[in-house]
Amino acid sequence: MGTTAPSAPDYAAITRRQQTVWSGGDYSAVAARITLISERLADSADLRSGSRVLDVAGGSGNTALAAARCGADVVSLDYVPSLLERGRERARAEGLEVEYVEGDAQALPFTDASFDAVISAVGVMFAPDQATVAAEMLRVCRPGGTIAIANWTPDGFIGGLLRTVGAHVPPPAGVASPLLWGTEDHVRTLFGAGVEDVRTRRRHQVFRFDSPEAFTGFFREMYGPTRTAFGTLTDEGGRALAGEIGDLVRRFDRLGGDGPVAIPAEYLEVVATRTAH
């Protein structure tokens, strides 16, 4: 008796569910605490004034605004309208020019080779069809242009947080872990011969809160994946998850006391050059 080959994941349906997840809570509040990632990424990418830059899965605009501060002509794409609107508000407040576009990182609505640089900070890593995302980023970047990304690593704090949540609410079957984007070998495989001169660096973003419980409460309310997870659990399950997140915070906290916490969260920064073919 033959066996039936597993069917490919329904990426379109998964993407729609992800839109709902990231629309929950207020990711812009989380993003406000990690602006340094974007500022560092724009600097490492050595963005030039007057260059045309695409920020993919840009959320509320951290990376787009960092690029605009370099004098670049910036387009920021995301699939959550409320985050795009927050990005517009921020750009107006700072007197910066950024075009915000609603769209999917897996089907970028731009012509081939239309940008000098394509960047993303902890954004594209969450798109389910990883190979298509990488191909789309390469497609819209001109030969000789820059690809620059920053992604949470599997062994870092956010990697631990996502695994902790996933143990209670499993991710979609058949979809590669977003944390693979935080490994150099996987990123090199995704972009393949499309890039050269690949430079990587492991860096840290430090989360600072009054206590482990304060961190857990903030992420439970504001961060889409954890908010969704708590919303699907029973009261008992929610208490168990909260306890595990608190334990994770204590394990990574570098202060080691009973008061405020400082939690280094590792991410992988990658800057590469788009090849000529």
Protein backbone atom coordinates (compact mmCIF):
# COMPACT_ATOMS: atom_id res chain seq x y z
CA MET A 1 0.00 0.00 0.00
CA GLY A 2 1.48 3.35 -1.05
CA THR A 3 1.93 6.36 1.13
CA THR A 4 0.59 9.82 0.37
CA ALA A 5 3.19 12.56 0.10
CA PRO A 6 2.59 15.43 2.53
CA SER A 7 0.93 18.41 0.90
CA ALA A 8 2.72 21.74 0.71
CA PRO A 9 1.71 24.32 3.30
CA ASP A 10 -1.06 26.72 2.29
CA TYR A 11 1.13 29.81 2.46
CA ALA A 12 -1.71 32.15 1.49
CA ALA A 13 -3.91 30.95 4.36
CA ILE A 14 -0.99 31.05 6.80
CA THR A 15 -0.15 34.59 5.71
CA ARG A 16 -3.74 35.70 6.34
CA ARG A 17 -3.62 34.22 9.83
CA GLN A 18 -0.32 35.97 10.47
CA GLN A 19 -1.85 39.29 9.46
CA THR A 20 -4.45 38.77 12.17
CA VAL A 21 -1.79 37.84 14.72
CA TRP A 22 0.39 40.90 14.01
CA SER A 23 -2.67 43.17 13.97
CA GLY A 24 -3.39 42.13 17.57
CA GLY A 25 -1.90 44.05 20.45
CA ASP A 26 0.27 47.00 19.51
CA TYR A 27 3.50 45.96 17.84
CA SER A 28 4.51 49.60 17.48
CA ALA A 29 4.94 49.68 21.28
CA VAL A 30 7.34 46.75 21.03
CA ALA A 31 9.11 48.31 18.04
CA ALA A 32 9.69 51.49 20.04
CA ARG A 33 11.98 49.46 22.32
CA ILE A 34 14.16 48.04 19.50
CA THR A 35 14.90 51.10 17.37
CA LEU A 36 18.64 50.58 17.86
CA ILE A 37 18.51 47.46 15.66
CA SER A 38 17.30 49.54 12.72
CA GLU A 39 19.70 52.41 13.31
CA ARG A 40 22.63 49.99 13.41
CA LEU A 41 21.39 48.16 10.31
CA ALA A 42 21.09 51.36 8.27
CA ASP A 43 24.61 52.33 9.33
CA SER A 44 26.07 48.89 8.57
CA ALA A 45 24.40 48.94 5.15
CA ASP A 46 26.12 52.28 4.53
CA LEU A 47 22.99 53.67 2.88
CA ARG A 48 23.73 56.59 0.58
CA SER A 49 21.89 59.86 0.45
CA GLY A 50 19.67 59.92 -2.61
CA SER A 51 19.58 56.14 -2.98
CA ARG A 52 16.27 54.32 -3.35
CA VAL A 53 15.64 51.97 -0.42
CA LEU A 54 12.91 49.40 0.27
CA ASP A 55 12.14 48.39 3.86
CA VAL A 56 10.33 45.03 3.74
CA ALA A 57 7.92 44.03 6.52
CA GLY A 58 8.71 47.40 8.04
CA GLY A 59 5.99 47.51 10.70
CA SER A 60 5.63 50.95 12.24
CA GLY A 61 8.66 52.33 10.47
CA ASN A 62 11.80 51.87 12.58
CA THR A 63 14.01 50.86 9.67
CA ALA A 64 12.36 53.12 7.12
CA LEU A 65 12.93 56.14 9.34
CA ALA A 66 16.54 55.10 9.99
CA ALA A 67 17.07 54.94 6.21
CA ALA A 68 15.33 58.28 5.69
CA ARG A 69 17.66 59.86 8.23
CA CYS A 70 20.50 58.77 5.90
CA GLY A 71 18.93 60.91 3.18
CA ALA A 72 17.58 57.94 1.23
CA ASP A 73 14.38 57.85 -0.84
CA VAL A 74 12.49 55.24 1.18
CA VAL A 75 9.51 52.95 0.60
CA SER A 76 8.27 50.86 3.55
CA LEU A 77 6.03 47.84 2.95
CA ASP A 78 3.95 45.92 5.48
CA TYR A 79 0.67 43.98 5.50
CA VAL A 80 -0.79 45.49 8.69
CA PRO A 81 -2.57 48.78 7.86
CA SER A 82 -2.53 50.07 11.45
CA LEU A 83 1.26 49.76 11.59
CA LEU A 84 1.61 51.59 8.28
CA GLU A 85 -0.52 54.42 9.63
CA ARG A 86 1.64 54.61 12.75
CA GLY A 87 4.68 54.82 10.48
CA ARG A 88 3.12 57.72 8.56
CA GLU A 89 2.44 59.53 11.84
CA ARG A 90 6.04 59.07 12.93
CA ALA A 91 7.42 60.28 9.60
CA ARG A 92 5.26 63.41 9.74
CA ALA A 93 6.31 64.09 13.32
CA GLU A 94 9.99 63.80 12.41
CA GLY A 95 9.72 65.72 9.14
CA LEU A 96 10.94 62.76 7.09
CA GLU A 97 9.74 61.59 3.68
CA VAL A 98 8.75 57.90 3.58
CA GLU A 99 6.25 56.21 1.28
CA TYR A 100 4.25 53.53 3.09
CA VAL A 101 2.77 50.71 0.98
CA GLU A 102 0.47 47.88 2.02
CA GLY A 103 1.70 44.60 0.62
CA ASP A 104 3.12 41.11 1.14
CA ALA A 105 6.86 40.41 1.41
CA GLN A 106 6.21 37.23 -0.60
CA ALA A 107 4.87 39.19 -3.59
CA LEU A 108 6.52 42.61 -3.68
CA PRO A 109 4.53 45.04 -5.87
CA PHE A 110 7.61 46.57 -7.51
CA THR A 111 9.47 46.11 -10.79
CA ASP A 112 12.75 44.26 -11.10
CA ALA A 113 15.94 46.03 -9.96
CA SER A 114 14.00 49.10 -8.79
CA PHE A 115 15.88 49.68 -5.51
CA ASP A 116 19.49 50.38 -4.60
CA ALA A 117 19.06 48.66 -1.25
CA VAL A 118 16.52 46.24 0.23
CA ILE A 119 16.49 45.98 4.03
CA SER A 120 14.50 44.41 6.84
CA ALA A 121 14.85 44.33 10.63
CA VAL A 122 13.17 41.37 12.38
CA GLY A 123 10.46 41.51 9.73
CA VAL A 124 10.86 39.21 6.71
CA MET A 125 11.92 36.38 9.01
CA PHE A 126 8.28 35.82 9.94
CA ALA A 127 6.94 35.34 6.39
CA PRO A 128 6.08 31.65 5.93
CA ASP A 129 7.50 31.09 2.42
CA GLN A 130 11.13 31.87 3.09
CA ALA A 131 12.53 30.97 -0.34
CA THR A 132 10.01 33.22 -2.08
CA VAL A 133 10.77 36.14 0.25
CA ALA A 134 14.50 35.87 -0.47
CA ALA A 135 13.84 35.62 -4.21
CA GLU A 136 11.60 38.69 -4.11
CA MET A 137 14.18 40.73 -2.21
CA LEU A 138 16.79 39.80 -4.79
CA ARG A 139 14.45 40.54 -7.69
CA VAL A 140 13.72 44.13 -6.73
CA CYS A 141 17.33 44.97 -5.79
CA ARG A 142 19.53 46.24 -8.60
CA PRO A 143 22.78 44.42 -9.44
CA GLY A 144 25.49 45.79 -7.19
CA GLY A 145 22.90 46.97 -4.68
CA THR A 146 22.69 46.09 -1.01
CA ILE A 147 20.69 43.46 0.86
CA ALA A 148 20.70 44.10 4.63
CA ILE A 149 18.72 42.17 7.24
CA ALA A 150 18.64 41.67 11.01
CA ASN A 151 16.98 38.58 12.48
CA TRP A 152 16.61 37.04 15.94
CA THR A 153 18.88 34.03 16.48
CA PRO A 154 17.68 30.60 17.62
CA ASP A 155 19.90 30.60 20.71
CA GLY A 156 19.07 34.15 21.80
CA PHE A 157 16.38 35.40 24.15
CA ILE A 158 13.67 35.99 21.53
CA GLY A 159 14.46 32.59 20.05
CA GLY A 160 13.78 31.13 23.48
CA LEU A 161 10.59 33.16 23.82
CA LEU A 162 9.22 31.94 20.49
CA ARG A 163 10.04 28.33 21.32
CA THR A 164 8.38 28.70 24.72
CA VAL A 165 5.23 30.05 23.10
CA GLY A 166 5.38 27.38 20.39
CA ALA A 167 5.42 24.62 23.00
CA HIS A 168 1.98 25.78 24.13
CA VAL A 169 0.58 26.85 20.75
CA PRO A 170 2.35 24.93 17.96
CA PRO A 171 3.19 26.84 14.75
CA PRO A 172 1.65 25.81 11.39
CA ALA A 173 2.72 22.38 10.23
CA GLY A 174 5.30 22.19 7.47
CA VAL A 175 6.48 25.81 7.80
CA ALA A 176 10.17 26.40 8.46
CA SER A 177 11.03 28.14 11.72
CA PRO A 178 11.50 31.90 11.35
CA LEU A 179 14.54 31.54 13.60
CA LEU A 180 16.43 29.89 10.74
CA TRP A 181 16.86 33.43 9.40
CA GLY A 182 19.07 34.02 12.42
CA THR A 183 21.65 31.46 11.22
CA GLU A 184 24.31 32.45 8.71
CA ASP A 185 24.26 29.15 6.79
CA HIS A 186 20.52 29.33 6.20
CA VAL A 187 20.65 32.95 5.03
CA ARG A 188 23.47 32.09 2.62
CA THR A 189 21.41 29.17 1.31
CA LEU A 190 18.29 31.32 0.83
CA PHE A 191 20.07 34.02 -1.17
CA GLY A 192 22.51 31.64 -2.84
CA ALA A 193 24.38 32.99 -5.85
CA GLY A 194 22.22 36.10 -5.76
CA VAL A 195 24.57 37.77 -3.29
CA GLU A 196 28.29 38.14 -2.71
CA ASP A 197 30.55 39.82 -0.18
CA VAL A 198 28.34 38.57 2.66
CA ARG A 199 29.21 40.16 6.01
CA THR A 200 27.62 38.96 9.24
CA ARG A 201 27.71 40.12 12.83
CA ARG A 202 26.01 38.92 16.00
CA ARG A 203 24.67 41.81 18.02
CA HIS A 204 22.37 42.33 21.02
CA GLN A 205 19.29 44.38 21.72
CA VAL A 206 18.75 44.80 25.47
CA PHE A 207 15.18 44.77 26.80
CA ARG A 208 14.82 46.66 30.09
CA PHE A 209 11.84 46.23 32.42
CA ASP A 210 11.03 46.68 36.10
CA SER A 211 10.74 42.92 36.64
CA PRO A 212 10.22 39.60 34.83
CA GLU A 213 6.50 40.01 35.46
CA ALA A 214 6.54 43.46 33.87
CA PHE A 215 8.18 42.03 30.74
CA THR A 216 5.67 39.19 30.58
CA GLY A 217 2.71 41.53 31.02
CA PHE A 218 3.96 43.90 28.34
CA PHE A 219 4.55 41.16 25.77
CA ARG A 220 1.31 39.44 26.69
CA GLU A 221 -0.58 42.62 25.81
CA MET A 222 1.46 44.15 22.98
CA TYR A 223 3.31 41.43 21.03
CA GLY A 224 1.05 39.67 18.54
CA PRO A 225 2.41 36.10 18.85
CA THR A 226 2.35 36.04 22.66
CA ARG A 227 -0.97 37.86 22.84
CA THR A 228 -2.50 35.31 20.47
CA ALA A 229 -1.02 32.41 22.40
CA PHE A 230 -2.41 33.59 25.73
CA GLY A 231 -5.78 34.17 24.08
CA THR A 232 -6.03 30.52 23.02
CA LEU A 233 -5.04 29.00 26.37
CA THR A 234 -7.09 28.15 29.43
CA ASP A 235 -6.48 30.12 32.61
CA GLU A 236 -4.26 27.32 33.85
CA GLY A 237 -2.38 27.17 30.56
CA GLY A 238 -1.93 30.95 30.60
CA ARG A 239 -0.46 30.83 34.10
CA ALA A 240 1.93 28.09 33.03
CA LEU A 241 3.09 30.08 29.99
CA ALA A 242 3.52 33.25 32.03
CA GLY A 243 5.62 31.33 34.54
CA GLU A 244 7.83 29.89 31.80
CA ILE A 245 8.37 33.30 30.22
CA GLY A 246 9.29 34.71 33.62
CA ASP A 247 11.82 31.90 34.10
CA LEU A 248 13.28 32.64 30.66
CA VAL A 249 13.69 36.30 31.56
CA ARG A 250 15.50 35.39 34.77
CA ARG A 251 17.82 33.06 32.87
CA PHE A 252 18.88 35.76 30.40
CA ASP A 253 18.78 38.74 32.77
CA ARG A 254 22.28 40.13 33.18
CA LEU A 255 21.51 42.09 36.37
CA GLY A 256 20.65 39.03 38.41
CA GLY A 257 18.79 40.79 41.21
CA ASP A 258 15.22 40.94 42.47
CA GLY A 259 14.44 44.29 40.84
CA PRO A 260 14.77 45.59 37.30
CA VAL A 261 15.96 43.29 34.51
CA ALA A 262 18.21 43.86 31.50
CA ILE A 263 17.75 41.11 28.93
CA PRO A 264 20.24 40.87 26.04
CA ALA A 265 18.47 39.49 22.96
CA GLU A 266 20.85 38.26 20.28
CA TYR A 267 20.24 38.91 16.60
CA LEU A 268 22.20 38.25 13.40
CA GLU A 269 22.96 41.23 11.17
CA VAL A 270 23.70 40.41 7.52
CA VAL A 271 24.85 42.84 4.82
CA ALA A 272 25.54 41.58 1.31
CA THR A 273 25.93 42.83 -2.26
CA ARG A 274 23.49 41.82 -4.99
CA THR A 275 25.41 39.99 -7.71
CA ALA A 276 25.32 41.11 -11.32
CA HIS A 277 23.41 38.05 -12.57
